[in-house]
Structure formats: C-alpha cells, structure tokens
Amino acid sequence: MGNVIGEWLRKGVCLRPPHRPDVVAPVPLHWTRMRQRGFNQSYLIARAFVGDREWPIEPHLLRRTRRTRPQVELHADQRAANVRGAFAVSRPREVRGRRVLVVDDVVTTLSTVDECARALKEAGAAEVYVVAAAR
C-alpha cells in the first residue's frame, strides 16, 4: 500500500529548486510500535515518493525520544501535547544548512510534523518541507 500511495504522491507533488530536498526523513515510529507493526508506513511512502530521484532517504535521521499514544486516539487539542518533545535529530551534522523533506502518512492537526520540523530547525536545518498522503 505504501508503494501505491508514494507513487500517487510522486505524480501529484512537484518539488523543484529551490524546494528540492537535500535529504528525506520519514516520520519515525517508536521502536516498540515498529516491532509490533513490522514496518514504518511513512518510510514506505517516502521510498515510493522518491522513486528514481537522487534524494537520499534517511529513515533514522529523526527518532522518537519516547513512546506516544497513537494520535488517532486523541482529540485535536490533545495531539500537540502528546507529541511535544517526542522527536530528536539523530545526526545534527547531517541536517545543518540543508533542506529536509519530512514524509508522513496522515496529517490532521499538523502536530506530529510540526514537532519533527521543530527538532530539525533546532538542529540547524535551513528549510523543512512536508509531504503527506492524506490530510
């Protein structure tokens, strides 16, 4: 399913300079959720979205610093608090001065991608873009 969605996004989303990313960072799962699920849907979407473009995908550039409740279980006003401080950049030197594309499967209140962008900007990212399969 991630391949289909990613290819669909690739056909519909056009990123051109200066909006071409230097690196692509899928929204990470907490290791416990990754173990349960067996795959990261954001990574699968990112891989298909990038396709044959020469944009490096760094699935471990962002990491979850703590386990959070699934956002779908929460009301809109609870989502920002749920993910506040839940993301960090694993290798800040790979982010400094670069354009980073964050890929997520679904954005509703933008809380998750906002937190990812905050962590990336604090690590020195020049620009952060977001692409998501659904809103």
N, C-alpha and C. Protein backbone atom coordinates (compact mmCIF):
# COMPACT_ATOMS: atom_id res chain seq x y z
N MET A 1 0.82 -1.19 0.00
CA MET A 1 0.00 0.00 0.00
C MET A 1 0.86 1.26 0.00
N GLY A 2 1.98 1.25 0.76
CA GLY A 2 2.87 2.40 0.81
C GLY A 2 3.42 2.74 -0.56
N ASN A 3 3.71 1.70 -1.36
CA ASN A 3 4.24 1.94 -2.71
C ASN A 3 3.21 2.65 -3.58
N VAL A 4 1.98 2.21 -3.51
CA VAL A 4 0.92 2.80 -4.32
C VAL A 4 0.71 4.26 -3.92
N ILE A 5 0.64 4.52 -2.63
CA ILE A 5 0.42 5.88 -2.15
C ILE A 5 1.61 6.77 -2.51
N GLY A 6 2.82 6.27 -2.32
CA GLY A 6 4.01 7.05 -2.65
C GLY A 6 4.10 7.39 -4.12
N GLU A 7 3.78 6.43 -4.98
CA GLU A 7 3.80 6.69 -6.42
C GLU A 7 2.73 7.70 -6.80
N TRP A 8 1.57 7.58 -6.18
CA TRP A 8 0.48 8.53 -6.42
C TRP A 8 0.93 9.94 -6.03
N LEU A 9 1.59 10.06 -4.88
CA LEU A 9 2.09 11.37 -4.44
C LEU A 9 3.13 11.91 -5.40
N ARG A 10 4.02 11.04 -5.88
CA ARG A 10 5.08 11.47 -6.79
C ARG A 10 4.49 12.09 -8.05
N LYS A 11 3.38 11.55 -8.53
CA LYS A 11 2.74 12.08 -9.73
C LYS A 11 2.05 13.41 -9.47
N GLY A 12 1.60 13.63 -8.24
CA GLY A 12 0.83 14.83 -7.94
C GLY A 12 1.61 15.96 -7.30
N VAL A 13 2.74 15.64 -6.67
CA VAL A 13 3.51 16.67 -5.97
C VAL A 13 4.78 16.93 -6.75
N CYS A 14 4.98 18.16 -7.12
CA CYS A 14 6.16 18.52 -7.91
C CYS A 14 7.05 19.44 -7.08
N LEU A 15 8.23 18.97 -6.73
CA LEU A 15 9.18 19.78 -5.98
C LEU A 15 10.32 20.17 -6.91
N ARG A 16 10.50 21.45 -7.10
CA ARG A 16 11.56 21.96 -7.98
C ARG A 16 12.43 22.92 -7.18
N PRO A 17 13.66 23.13 -7.65
CA PRO A 17 14.51 24.10 -6.96
C PRO A 17 13.76 25.42 -6.81
N PRO A 18 13.85 26.09 -5.70
CA PRO A 18 14.68 25.78 -4.54
C PRO A 18 14.02 24.86 -3.54
N HIS A 19 12.95 24.22 -3.90
CA HIS A 19 12.21 23.37 -2.97
C HIS A 19 12.57 21.91 -3.05
N ARG A 20 13.62 21.58 -3.76
CA ARG A 20 14.07 20.19 -3.80
C ARG A 20 14.83 19.89 -2.53
N PRO A 21 14.54 18.77 -1.90
CA PRO A 21 15.21 18.47 -0.63
C PRO A 21 16.63 17.94 -0.82
N ASP A 22 17.45 18.18 0.19
CA ASP A 22 18.78 17.59 0.25
C ASP A 22 18.71 16.20 0.88
N VAL A 23 17.71 16.01 1.72
CA VAL A 23 17.54 14.73 2.42
C VAL A 23 16.05 14.55 2.73
N VAL A 24 15.62 13.29 2.74
CA VAL A 24 14.23 12.94 3.03
C VAL A 24 14.19 12.17 4.35
N ALA A 25 13.31 12.60 5.25
CA ALA A 25 13.21 12.00 6.58
C ALA A 25 11.78 11.54 6.85
N PRO A 26 11.52 10.24 6.77
CA PRO A 26 10.18 9.76 7.14
C PRO A 26 9.94 9.96 8.64
N VAL A 27 8.70 10.22 9.01
CA VAL A 27 8.36 10.33 10.43
C VAL A 27 8.60 8.95 11.06
N PRO A 28 9.40 8.91 12.12
CA PRO A 28 9.73 7.61 12.71
C PRO A 28 8.65 7.09 13.65
N LEU A 29 8.65 5.78 13.79
CA LEU A 29 7.83 5.13 14.81
C LEU A 29 8.71 4.89 16.03
N HIS A 30 8.11 4.78 17.19
CA HIS A 30 8.85 4.34 18.37
C HIS A 30 9.23 2.88 18.15
N TRP A 31 10.37 2.46 18.67
CA TRP A 31 10.85 1.11 18.40
C TRP A 31 9.85 0.04 18.82
N THR A 32 9.07 0.30 19.86
CA THR A 32 8.09 -0.72 20.29
C THR A 32 6.96 -0.85 19.26
N ARG A 33 6.53 0.29 18.70
CA ARG A 33 5.48 0.24 17.69
C ARG A 33 6.01 -0.38 16.39
N MET A 34 7.27 -0.07 16.07
CA MET A 34 7.89 -0.67 14.88
C MET A 34 7.95 -2.18 15.03
N ARG A 35 8.30 -2.64 16.20
CA ARG A 35 8.37 -4.09 16.44
C ARG A 35 6.99 -4.72 16.29
N GLN A 36 5.97 -4.07 16.81
CA GLN A 36 4.59 -4.57 16.70
C GLN A 36 4.14 -4.65 15.26
N ARG A 37 4.33 -3.54 14.54
CA ARG A 37 3.80 -3.40 13.19
C ARG A 37 4.67 -4.11 12.16
N GLY A 38 5.97 -4.02 12.32
CA GLY A 38 6.89 -4.67 11.39
C GLY A 38 7.30 -3.79 10.21
N PHE A 39 6.74 -2.60 10.09
CA PHE A 39 7.10 -1.68 9.01
C PHE A 39 6.72 -0.27 9.43
N ASN A 40 7.36 0.70 8.79
CA ASN A 40 7.03 2.11 9.01
C ASN A 40 6.36 2.61 7.73
N GLN A 41 5.09 2.89 7.80
CA GLN A 41 4.33 3.31 6.63
C GLN A 41 4.88 4.60 6.02
N SER A 42 5.40 5.50 6.84
CA SER A 42 5.96 6.75 6.31
C SER A 42 7.22 6.47 5.50
N TYR A 43 8.01 5.50 5.93
CA TYR A 43 9.20 5.13 5.17
C TYR A 43 8.81 4.52 3.82
N LEU A 44 7.81 3.64 3.82
CA LEU A 44 7.38 3.01 2.57
C LEU A 44 6.86 4.06 1.59
N ILE A 45 6.11 5.02 2.10
CA ILE A 45 5.60 6.10 1.25
C ILE A 45 6.76 6.94 0.73
N ALA A 46 7.71 7.28 1.61
CA ALA A 46 8.87 8.09 1.21
C ALA A 46 9.67 7.39 0.11
N ARG A 47 9.89 6.10 0.26
CA ARG A 47 10.68 5.35 -0.72
C ARG A 47 10.02 5.38 -2.10
N ALA A 48 8.71 5.18 -2.14
CA ALA A 48 8.00 5.21 -3.42
C ALA A 48 7.90 6.63 -3.96
N PHE A 49 7.73 7.62 -3.07
CA PHE A 49 7.65 9.01 -3.50
C PHE A 49 8.96 9.47 -4.13
N VAL A 50 10.07 9.10 -3.52
CA VAL A 50 11.38 9.49 -4.07
C VAL A 50 11.63 8.77 -5.39
N GLY A 51 11.28 7.49 -5.45
CA GLY A 51 11.44 6.72 -6.69
C GLY A 51 12.85 6.78 -7.21
N ASP A 52 13.02 7.19 -8.45
CA ASP A 52 14.34 7.23 -9.07
C ASP A 52 15.04 8.58 -8.92
N ARG A 53 14.43 9.49 -8.16
CA ARG A 53 15.10 10.76 -7.88
C ARG A 53 16.31 10.49 -6.99
N GLU A 54 17.30 11.28 -7.12
CA GLU A 54 18.52 11.06 -6.34
C GLU A 54 18.49 11.83 -5.03
N TRP A 55 17.42 11.66 -4.28
CA TRP A 55 17.29 12.29 -2.97
C TRP A 55 17.54 11.22 -1.93
N PRO A 56 18.51 11.40 -1.07
CA PRO A 56 18.78 10.37 -0.06
C PRO A 56 17.67 10.31 0.99
N ILE A 57 17.23 9.11 1.27
CA ILE A 57 16.25 8.88 2.33
C ILE A 57 17.03 8.43 3.56
N GLU A 58 16.82 9.12 4.66
CA GLU A 58 17.49 8.81 5.92
C GLU A 58 16.43 8.40 6.94
N PRO A 59 16.08 7.10 6.99
CA PRO A 59 14.99 6.68 7.87
C PRO A 59 15.29 6.83 9.36
N HIS A 60 16.56 7.04 9.72
CA HIS A 60 16.91 7.18 11.14
C HIS A 60 17.40 8.58 11.48
N LEU A 61 17.19 9.53 10.58
CA LEU A 61 17.61 10.90 10.84
C LEU A 61 16.81 11.48 12.00
N LEU A 62 15.52 11.24 11.99
CA LEU A 62 14.65 11.60 13.11
C LEU A 62 14.42 10.36 13.96
N ARG A 63 14.31 10.54 15.25
CA ARG A 63 13.98 9.41 16.12
C ARG A 63 12.97 9.87 17.16
N ARG A 64 12.18 8.92 17.61
CA ARG A 64 11.22 9.21 18.69
C ARG A 64 11.96 9.06 20.00
N THR A 65 11.86 10.07 20.82
CA THR A 65 12.55 10.04 22.11
C THR A 65 11.73 9.33 23.18
N ARG A 66 10.46 9.17 22.91
CA ARG A 66 9.59 8.46 23.86
C ARG A 66 8.38 7.92 23.12
N ARG A 67 7.77 6.94 23.72
CA ARG A 67 6.57 6.36 23.13
C ARG A 67 5.40 7.31 23.36
N THR A 68 4.60 7.52 22.34
CA THR A 68 3.43 8.38 22.44
C THR A 68 2.18 7.56 22.13
N ARG A 69 1.05 8.07 22.57
CA ARG A 69 -0.21 7.43 22.21
C ARG A 69 -0.47 7.67 20.74
N PRO A 70 -1.13 6.73 20.06
CA PRO A 70 -1.49 6.98 18.66
C PRO A 70 -2.36 8.25 18.57
N GLN A 71 -2.02 9.14 17.65
CA GLN A 71 -2.73 10.40 17.52
C GLN A 71 -4.21 10.18 17.21
N VAL A 72 -4.52 9.11 16.49
CA VAL A 72 -5.91 8.84 16.11
C VAL A 72 -6.80 8.64 17.34
N GLU A 73 -6.22 8.28 18.47
CA GLU A 73 -7.00 8.06 19.70
C GLU A 73 -7.32 9.36 20.43
N LEU A 74 -6.73 10.47 19.98
CA LEU A 74 -6.82 11.72 20.73
C LEU A 74 -7.64 12.78 20.03
N HIS A 75 -8.19 13.69 20.82
CA HIS A 75 -8.87 14.86 20.28
C HIS A 75 -7.82 15.83 19.78
N ALA A 76 -8.22 16.72 18.91
CA ALA A 76 -7.30 17.68 18.30
C ALA A 76 -6.51 18.46 19.34
N ASP A 77 -7.16 18.88 20.43
CA ASP A 77 -6.47 19.69 21.43
C ASP A 77 -5.48 18.88 22.26
N GLN A 78 -5.53 17.56 22.20
CA GLN A 78 -4.60 16.71 22.95
C GLN A 78 -3.38 16.29 22.11
N ARG A 79 -3.48 16.42 20.82
CA ARG A 79 -2.44 15.89 19.94
C ARG A 79 -1.10 16.61 20.08
N ALA A 80 -1.11 17.92 20.16
CA ALA A 80 0.14 18.67 20.28
C ALA A 80 0.88 18.28 21.56
N ALA A 81 0.14 18.18 22.66
CA ALA A 81 0.76 17.80 23.94
C ALA A 81 1.32 16.38 23.87
N ASN A 82 0.64 15.51 23.17
CA ASN A 82 1.06 14.11 23.06
C ASN A 82 2.43 13.97 22.41
N VAL A 83 2.72 14.77 21.39
CA VAL A 83 3.98 14.63 20.66
C VAL A 83 5.02 15.70 21.01
N ARG A 84 4.66 16.62 21.91
CA ARG A 84 5.61 17.68 22.27
C ARG A 84 6.90 17.06 22.81
N GLY A 85 8.02 17.39 22.18
CA GLY A 85 9.32 16.88 22.61
C GLY A 85 9.57 15.42 22.30
N ALA A 86 8.73 14.82 21.47
CA ALA A 86 8.84 13.38 21.20
C ALA A 86 9.80 13.03 20.07
N PHE A 87 10.40 14.05 19.42
CA PHE A 87 11.31 13.78 18.30
C PHE A 87 12.64 14.48 18.52
N ALA A 88 13.68 13.85 18.03
CA ALA A 88 15.02 14.43 18.07
C ALA A 88 15.73 14.06 16.78
N VAL A 89 16.78 14.81 16.48
CA VAL A 89 17.59 14.53 15.29
C VAL A 89 18.77 13.67 15.74
N SER A 90 18.93 12.53 15.10
CA SER A 90 19.99 11.59 15.47
C SER A 90 21.38 12.10 15.10
N ARG A 91 21.49 12.73 13.94
CA ARG A 91 22.79 13.18 13.44
C ARG A 91 22.67 14.64 12.99
N PRO A 92 22.76 15.59 13.94
CA PRO A 92 22.57 17.00 13.59
C PRO A 92 23.50 17.50 12.49
N ARG A 93 24.71 16.97 12.39
CA ARG A 93 25.63 17.45 11.34
C ARG A 93 25.08 17.18 9.95
N GLU A 94 24.25 16.16 9.81
CA GLU A 94 23.67 15.83 8.50
C GLU A 94 22.49 16.74 8.14
N VAL A 95 22.09 17.57 9.08
CA VAL A 95 20.93 18.44 8.89
C VAL A 95 21.33 19.89 8.68
N ARG A 96 22.39 20.32 9.33
CA ARG A 96 22.78 21.74 9.31
C ARG A 96 22.87 22.31 7.91
N GLY A 97 22.11 23.38 7.70
CA GLY A 97 22.14 24.10 6.43
C GLY A 97 21.46 23.39 5.28
N ARG A 98 20.76 22.30 5.54
CA ARG A 98 20.15 21.52 4.46
C ARG A 98 18.64 21.68 4.43
N ARG A 99 18.10 21.35 3.26
CA ARG A 99 16.64 21.32 3.07
C ARG A 99 16.17 19.89 3.33
N VAL A 100 15.24 19.75 4.26
CA VAL A 100 14.78 18.42 4.67
C VAL A 100 13.30 18.27 4.32
N LEU A 101 12.98 17.16 3.68
CA LEU A 101 11.59 16.82 3.38
C LEU A 101 11.14 15.77 4.38
N VAL A 102 10.13 16.10 5.16
CA VAL A 102 9.54 15.16 6.12
C VAL A 102 8.36 14.49 5.44
N VAL A 103 8.30 13.16 5.52
CA VAL A 103 7.20 12.41 4.91
C VAL A 103 6.39 11.75 6.01
N ASP A 104 5.07 11.97 5.97
CA ASP A 104 4.16 11.34 6.93
C ASP A 104 3.01 10.72 6.15
N ASP A 105 2.33 9.79 6.77
CA ASP A 105 1.21 9.16 6.09
C ASP A 105 -0.03 10.04 6.14
N VAL A 106 -0.39 10.50 7.33
CA VAL A 106 -1.59 11.32 7.51
C VAL A 106 -1.26 12.51 8.40
N VAL A 107 -1.69 13.69 7.98
CA VAL A 107 -1.61 14.87 8.85
C VAL A 107 -3.03 15.35 9.10
N THR A 108 -3.34 15.59 10.35
CA THR A 108 -4.67 16.08 10.71
C THR A 108 -4.53 17.47 11.30
N THR A 109 -3.90 17.53 12.46
CA THR A 109 -3.70 18.83 13.11
C THR A 109 -2.30 19.38 12.85
N LEU A 110 -1.46 18.64 12.15
CA LEU A 110 -0.07 19.00 11.86
C LEU A 110 0.84 18.90 13.08
N SER A 111 0.35 18.39 14.20
CA SER A 111 1.14 18.34 15.43
C SER A 111 2.41 17.52 15.27
N THR A 112 2.30 16.35 14.65
CA THR A 112 3.47 15.48 14.51
C THR A 112 4.52 16.11 13.60
N VAL A 113 4.11 16.57 12.44
CA VAL A 113 5.09 17.16 11.52
C VAL A 113 5.63 18.49 12.06
N ASP A 114 4.83 19.22 12.81
CA ASP A 114 5.33 20.44 13.44
C ASP A 114 6.46 20.12 14.42
N GLU A 115 6.27 19.07 15.19
CA GLU A 115 7.32 18.67 16.15
C GLU A 115 8.56 18.17 15.44
N CYS A 116 8.38 17.43 14.36
CA CYS A 116 9.53 16.99 13.56
C CYS A 116 10.27 18.19 13.00
N ALA A 117 9.53 19.14 12.45
CA ALA A 117 10.14 20.35 11.88
C ALA A 117 10.86 21.16 12.96
N ARG A 118 10.27 21.25 14.13
CA ARG A 118 10.91 21.99 15.23
C ARG A 118 12.26 21.37 15.56
N ALA A 119 12.30 20.04 15.69
CA ALA A 119 13.56 19.35 16.01
C ALA A 119 14.59 19.57 14.90
N LEU A 120 14.15 19.50 13.66
CA LEU A 120 15.07 19.70 12.53
C LEU A 120 15.60 21.13 12.49
N LYS A 121 14.73 22.11 12.69
CA LYS A 121 15.16 23.50 12.68
C LYS A 121 16.11 23.78 13.85
N GLU A 122 15.83 23.22 15.02
CA GLU A 122 16.74 23.39 16.16
C GLU A 122 18.10 22.78 15.88
N ALA A 123 18.14 21.73 15.07
CA ALA A 123 19.40 21.09 14.70
C ALA A 123 20.11 21.83 13.58
N GLY A 124 19.47 22.87 13.04
CA GLY A 124 20.13 23.69 12.04
C GLY A 124 19.65 23.53 10.61
N ALA A 125 18.56 22.81 10.39
CA ALA A 125 18.03 22.67 9.03
C ALA A 125 17.70 24.05 8.47
N ALA A 126 18.08 24.27 7.22
CA ALA A 126 17.80 25.55 6.57
C ALA A 126 16.32 25.69 6.27
N GLU A 127 15.72 24.62 5.75
CA GLU A 127 14.30 24.63 5.41
C GLU A 127 13.74 23.24 5.66
N VAL A 128 12.46 23.18 5.99
CA VAL A 128 11.78 21.91 6.20
C VAL A 128 10.49 21.93 5.39
N TYR A 129 10.30 20.92 4.57
CA TYR A 129 9.08 20.76 3.78
C TYR A 129 8.39 19.49 4.28
N VAL A 130 7.11 19.41 4.01
CA VAL A 130 6.33 18.23 4.42
C VAL A 130 5.50 17.74 3.25
N VAL A 131 5.48 16.42 3.08
CA VAL A 131 4.54 15.81 2.14
C VAL A 131 3.85 14.70 2.91
N ALA A 132 2.53 14.60 2.72
CA ALA A 132 1.75 13.58 3.41
C ALA A 132 0.75 12.99 2.43
N ALA A 133 0.39 11.75 2.69
CA ALA A 133 -0.54 11.04 1.82
C ALA A 133 -1.99 11.54 1.99
N ALA A 134 -2.33 11.94 3.20
CA ALA A 134 -3.71 12.35 3.47
C ALA A 134 -3.74 13.46 4.49
N ARG A 135 -4.79 14.24 4.43
CA ARG A 135 -4.98 15.32 5.40
C ARG A 135 -6.37 15.22 5.92
